[in-house]
Structure formats: structure tokens, C-alpha cells
């Protein structure tokens, strides 16, 4: 796995975490910092776990990271209620 892919996944996760209150129409249970961290973790899990496992192309792995970040943010918001 190239280092630039890891950095792109981190950036995608941070951007999704930053946009999360606008996407889900409310702040997350842990605020902006929690959304950023959750987005990055989701992007890394999906990007590295799924994309690397199935040897996907770079563009597809970035899309998988985007979906993974959104999915983990959604799950955290459903499980942890404020």
C-alpha cells in the first residue's frame, strides 16, 4: 500500500467528518472532533480493509473510503444518542 493512499484516505475521512453535521442535519454525539476522528477511522477501515483486501484500483478505494467514513459516522450516531 503506497503512503499517498493512506494520506488520501485520512483526508477523505476528515472532510467527511467535517461535513457530517451538514450531511446528517445535526451535530454528532461527540462534536466536531469526534466526527473528524470517526470519519478518519471509517475511511481507514474501509479503504485499507476492503480496498486492499480485494485489490481495488486507487479511485475505487477512495470511493470505498468515502462510503466507509459515512457509514461509520451513521452507525455511531445511531448507537450513541445525545
N, C-alpha and C. Protein backbone atom coordinates (compact mmCIF):
# COMPACT_ATOMS: atom_id res chain seq x y z
N UNK A 1 0.85 -1.18 0.00
CA UNK A 1 0.00 0.00 0.00
C UNK A 1 0.89 1.24 0.00
N UNK A 2 0.70 2.10 -0.98
CA UNK A 2 1.51 3.32 -1.02
C UNK A 2 1.08 4.31 0.07
N UNK A 3 2.02 5.11 0.51
CA UNK A 3 1.76 6.07 1.57
C UNK A 3 0.73 7.12 1.13
N UNK A 4 0.78 7.51 -0.14
CA UNK A 4 -0.17 8.52 -0.60
C UNK A 4 -1.61 8.04 -0.48
N UNK A 5 -1.85 6.75 -0.63
CA UNK A 5 -3.21 6.22 -0.48
C UNK A 5 -3.69 6.40 0.96
N UNK A 6 -2.81 6.12 1.91
CA UNK A 6 -3.15 6.30 3.32
C UNK A 6 -3.48 7.76 3.60
N UNK A 7 -2.68 8.66 3.06
CA UNK A 7 -2.92 10.09 3.27
C UNK A 7 -4.23 10.53 2.63
N UNK A 8 -4.54 10.02 1.46
CA UNK A 8 -5.80 10.37 0.80
C UNK A 8 -6.98 9.85 1.62
N UNK A 9 -6.88 8.64 2.16
CA UNK A 9 -7.95 8.10 2.99
C UNK A 9 -8.16 8.97 4.23
N UNK A 10 -7.07 9.42 4.85
CA UNK A 10 -7.17 10.28 6.03
C UNK A 10 -7.87 11.60 5.66
N UNK A 11 -7.47 12.19 4.54
CA UNK A 11 -8.09 13.45 4.11
C UNK A 11 -9.57 13.24 3.80
N UNK A 12 -9.90 12.17 3.09
CA UNK A 12 -11.31 11.88 2.79
C UNK A 12 -12.10 11.73 4.08
N UNK A 13 -11.58 11.00 5.03
CA UNK A 13 -12.28 10.80 6.30
C UNK A 13 -12.45 12.10 7.07
N UNK A 14 -11.43 12.95 7.06
CA UNK A 14 -11.52 14.24 7.76
C UNK A 14 -12.54 15.15 7.09
N UNK A 15 -12.56 15.17 5.78
CA UNK A 15 -13.53 16.00 5.06
C UNK A 15 -14.96 15.51 5.32
N UNK A 16 -15.15 14.21 5.27
CA UNK A 16 -16.48 13.65 5.55
C UNK A 16 -16.88 13.95 6.99
N UNK A 17 -15.95 13.82 7.92
CA UNK A 17 -16.23 14.15 9.32
C UNK A 17 -16.59 15.61 9.51
N UNK A 18 -15.91 16.48 8.78
CA UNK A 18 -16.20 17.91 8.86
C UNK A 18 -17.57 18.23 8.25
N UNK A 19 -17.92 17.52 7.18
CA UNK A 19 -19.21 17.75 6.53
C UNK A 19 -20.36 16.99 7.19
N UNK A 20 -20.07 16.11 8.12
CA UNK A 20 -21.09 15.26 8.73
C UNK A 20 -22.29 16.03 9.30
N UNK A 21 -22.09 17.13 10.04
CA UNK A 21 -23.27 17.84 10.54
C UNK A 21 -24.15 18.39 9.42
N UNK A 22 -23.58 18.70 8.28
CA UNK A 22 -24.36 19.18 7.16
C UNK A 22 -25.06 18.03 6.44
N UNK A 23 -24.40 16.88 6.40
CA UNK A 23 -24.97 15.71 5.73
C UNK A 23 -26.12 15.12 6.54
N UNK A 24 -25.90 14.98 7.86
CA UNK A 24 -26.89 14.35 8.72
C UNK A 24 -27.83 15.34 9.40
N UNK A 25 -27.68 16.62 9.11
CA UNK A 25 -28.55 17.68 9.61
C UNK A 25 -28.50 17.91 11.11
N UNK A 26 -27.48 17.38 11.79
CA UNK A 26 -27.29 17.67 13.21
C UNK A 26 -25.88 17.29 13.62
N UNK A 27 -25.46 17.85 14.73
CA UNK A 27 -24.12 17.55 15.24
C UNK A 27 -24.08 16.14 15.81
N UNK A 28 -22.92 15.53 15.74
CA UNK A 28 -22.75 14.19 16.28
C UNK A 28 -22.66 14.21 17.79
N UNK A 29 -22.69 13.04 18.41
CA UNK A 29 -22.68 12.97 19.87
C UNK A 29 -21.38 13.44 20.50
N UNK A 30 -20.29 13.47 19.74
CA UNK A 30 -19.00 13.87 20.29
C UNK A 30 -18.49 15.17 19.70
N UNK A 31 -19.33 15.89 18.97
CA UNK A 31 -18.95 17.17 18.41
C UNK A 31 -18.08 17.03 17.17
N UNK A 32 -17.48 18.14 16.77
CA UNK A 32 -16.69 18.18 15.55
C UNK A 32 -15.47 17.28 15.62
N UNK A 33 -14.77 17.30 16.74
CA UNK A 33 -13.56 16.47 16.86
C UNK A 33 -13.92 14.99 16.77
N UNK A 34 -15.00 14.60 17.40
CA UNK A 34 -15.45 13.21 17.32
C UNK A 34 -15.84 12.82 15.91
N UNK A 35 -16.51 13.75 15.19
CA UNK A 35 -16.87 13.47 13.81
C UNK A 35 -15.64 13.32 12.93
N UNK A 36 -14.64 14.18 13.15
CA UNK A 36 -13.40 14.08 12.37
C UNK A 36 -12.70 12.74 12.60
N UNK A 37 -12.57 12.37 13.86
CA UNK A 37 -11.90 11.12 14.20
C UNK A 37 -12.68 9.92 13.67
N UNK A 38 -14.00 9.94 13.84
CA UNK A 38 -14.83 8.85 13.35
C UNK A 38 -14.75 8.73 11.84
N UNK A 39 -14.76 9.86 11.14
CA UNK A 39 -14.65 9.85 9.69
C UNK A 39 -13.33 9.27 9.21
N UNK A 40 -12.24 9.66 9.87
CA UNK A 40 -10.92 9.15 9.50
C UNK A 40 -10.83 7.65 9.76
N UNK A 41 -11.33 7.22 10.92
CA UNK A 41 -11.29 5.78 11.25
C UNK A 41 -12.13 4.98 10.25
N UNK A 42 -13.31 5.48 9.92
CA UNK A 42 -14.15 4.79 8.95
C UNK A 42 -13.50 4.69 7.58
N UNK A 43 -12.87 5.78 7.16
CA UNK A 43 -12.19 5.78 5.86
C UNK A 43 -11.01 4.82 5.85
N UNK A 44 -10.26 4.78 6.94
CA UNK A 44 -9.12 3.86 7.01
C UNK A 44 -9.56 2.41 7.05
N UNK A 45 -10.60 2.12 7.82
CA UNK A 45 -11.09 0.74 7.88
C UNK A 45 -11.57 0.29 6.51
N UNK A 46 -12.39 1.11 5.88
CA UNK A 46 -12.92 0.73 4.57
C UNK A 46 -11.84 0.74 3.50
N UNK A 47 -11.04 1.79 3.48
CA UNK A 47 -10.00 1.91 2.45
C UNK A 47 -8.97 0.81 2.54
N UNK A 48 -8.48 0.59 3.74
CA UNK A 48 -7.44 -0.43 3.90
C UNK A 48 -8.04 -1.83 3.94
N UNK A 49 -9.08 -1.98 4.72
CA UNK A 49 -9.66 -3.30 4.91
C UNK A 49 -10.30 -3.87 3.67
N UNK A 50 -11.17 -3.12 3.05
CA UNK A 50 -11.89 -3.65 1.88
C UNK A 50 -11.10 -3.47 0.59
N UNK A 51 -10.65 -2.26 0.35
CA UNK A 51 -9.99 -1.99 -0.93
C UNK A 51 -8.69 -2.78 -1.08
N UNK A 52 -7.91 -2.84 -0.02
CA UNK A 52 -6.66 -3.59 -0.09
C UNK A 52 -6.91 -5.10 -0.17
N UNK A 53 -7.93 -5.54 0.54
CA UNK A 53 -8.24 -6.96 0.56
C UNK A 53 -8.65 -7.46 -0.83
N UNK A 54 -9.42 -6.65 -1.53
CA UNK A 54 -9.92 -7.06 -2.84
C UNK A 54 -9.12 -6.46 -3.98
N UNK A 55 -7.98 -5.85 -3.71
CA UNK A 55 -7.07 -5.29 -4.72
C UNK A 55 -7.81 -4.37 -5.70
N UNK A 56 -8.52 -3.41 -5.14
CA UNK A 56 -9.25 -2.46 -5.97
C UNK A 56 -8.32 -1.37 -6.49
N UNK A 57 -8.74 -0.69 -7.53
CA UNK A 57 -7.95 0.41 -8.06
C UNK A 57 -7.98 1.58 -7.08
N UNK A 58 -7.11 2.55 -7.31
CA UNK A 58 -7.00 3.69 -6.40
C UNK A 58 -8.30 4.47 -6.31
N UNK A 59 -8.90 4.78 -7.44
CA UNK A 59 -10.14 5.56 -7.43
C UNK A 59 -11.25 4.82 -6.70
N UNK A 60 -11.38 3.55 -6.94
CA UNK A 60 -12.42 2.77 -6.26
C UNK A 60 -12.14 2.70 -4.76
N UNK A 61 -10.88 2.58 -4.37
CA UNK A 61 -10.57 2.53 -2.94
C UNK A 61 -10.90 3.86 -2.26
N UNK A 62 -10.76 4.98 -2.95
CA UNK A 62 -11.12 6.28 -2.39
C UNK A 62 -12.64 6.38 -2.22
N UNK A 63 -13.38 5.86 -3.18
CA UNK A 63 -14.84 5.85 -3.05
C UNK A 63 -15.28 4.93 -1.91
N UNK A 64 -14.61 3.80 -1.76
CA UNK A 64 -14.91 2.88 -0.66
C UNK A 64 -14.60 3.56 0.67
N UNK A 65 -13.51 4.31 0.74
CA UNK A 65 -13.16 5.05 1.96
C UNK A 65 -14.22 6.09 2.28
N UNK A 66 -14.73 6.76 1.26
CA UNK A 66 -15.79 7.75 1.45
C UNK A 66 -17.05 7.10 2.02
N UNK A 67 -17.45 6.00 1.44
CA UNK A 67 -18.64 5.28 1.92
C UNK A 67 -18.40 4.73 3.33
N UNK A 68 -17.20 4.23 3.59
CA UNK A 68 -16.88 3.71 4.92
C UNK A 68 -16.94 4.79 5.99
N UNK A 69 -16.44 5.97 5.68
CA UNK A 69 -16.49 7.07 6.64
C UNK A 69 -17.94 7.47 6.92
N UNK A 70 -18.74 7.59 5.87
CA UNK A 70 -20.16 7.93 6.05
C UNK A 70 -20.89 6.86 6.85
N UNK A 71 -20.61 5.61 6.54
CA UNK A 71 -21.28 4.51 7.22
C UNK A 71 -20.94 4.47 8.71
N UNK A 72 -19.67 4.62 9.03
CA UNK A 72 -19.27 4.60 10.44
C UNK A 72 -19.84 5.79 11.19
N UNK A 73 -19.86 6.96 10.56
CA UNK A 73 -20.49 8.13 11.20
C UNK A 73 -21.97 7.87 11.46
N UNK A 74 -22.65 7.28 10.51
CA UNK A 74 -24.07 6.99 10.67
C UNK A 74 -24.30 5.99 11.80
N UNK A 75 -23.46 4.95 11.86
CA UNK A 75 -23.60 3.94 12.91
C UNK A 75 -23.36 4.55 14.29
N UNK A 76 -22.32 5.35 14.40
CA UNK A 76 -22.02 5.98 15.71
C UNK A 76 -23.17 6.88 16.13
N UNK A 77 -23.75 7.61 15.20
CA UNK A 77 -24.87 8.48 15.54
C UNK A 77 -26.10 7.69 15.97
N UNK A 78 -26.30 6.51 15.42
CA UNK A 78 -27.45 5.68 15.80
C UNK A 78 -27.23 4.98 17.15
N UNK A 79 -26.00 4.55 17.40
CA UNK A 79 -25.70 3.81 18.61
C UNK A 79 -25.58 4.74 19.82
N UNK A 80 -24.86 5.85 19.65
CA UNK A 80 -24.63 6.79 20.74
C UNK A 80 -25.57 7.97 20.54
N UNK A 81 -26.57 8.03 21.34
CA UNK A 81 -27.54 9.14 21.26
C UNK A 81 -27.17 10.18 22.31
N UNK A 82 -27.36 11.42 21.94
CA UNK A 82 -27.09 12.50 22.87
C UNK A 82 -28.25 12.72 23.78
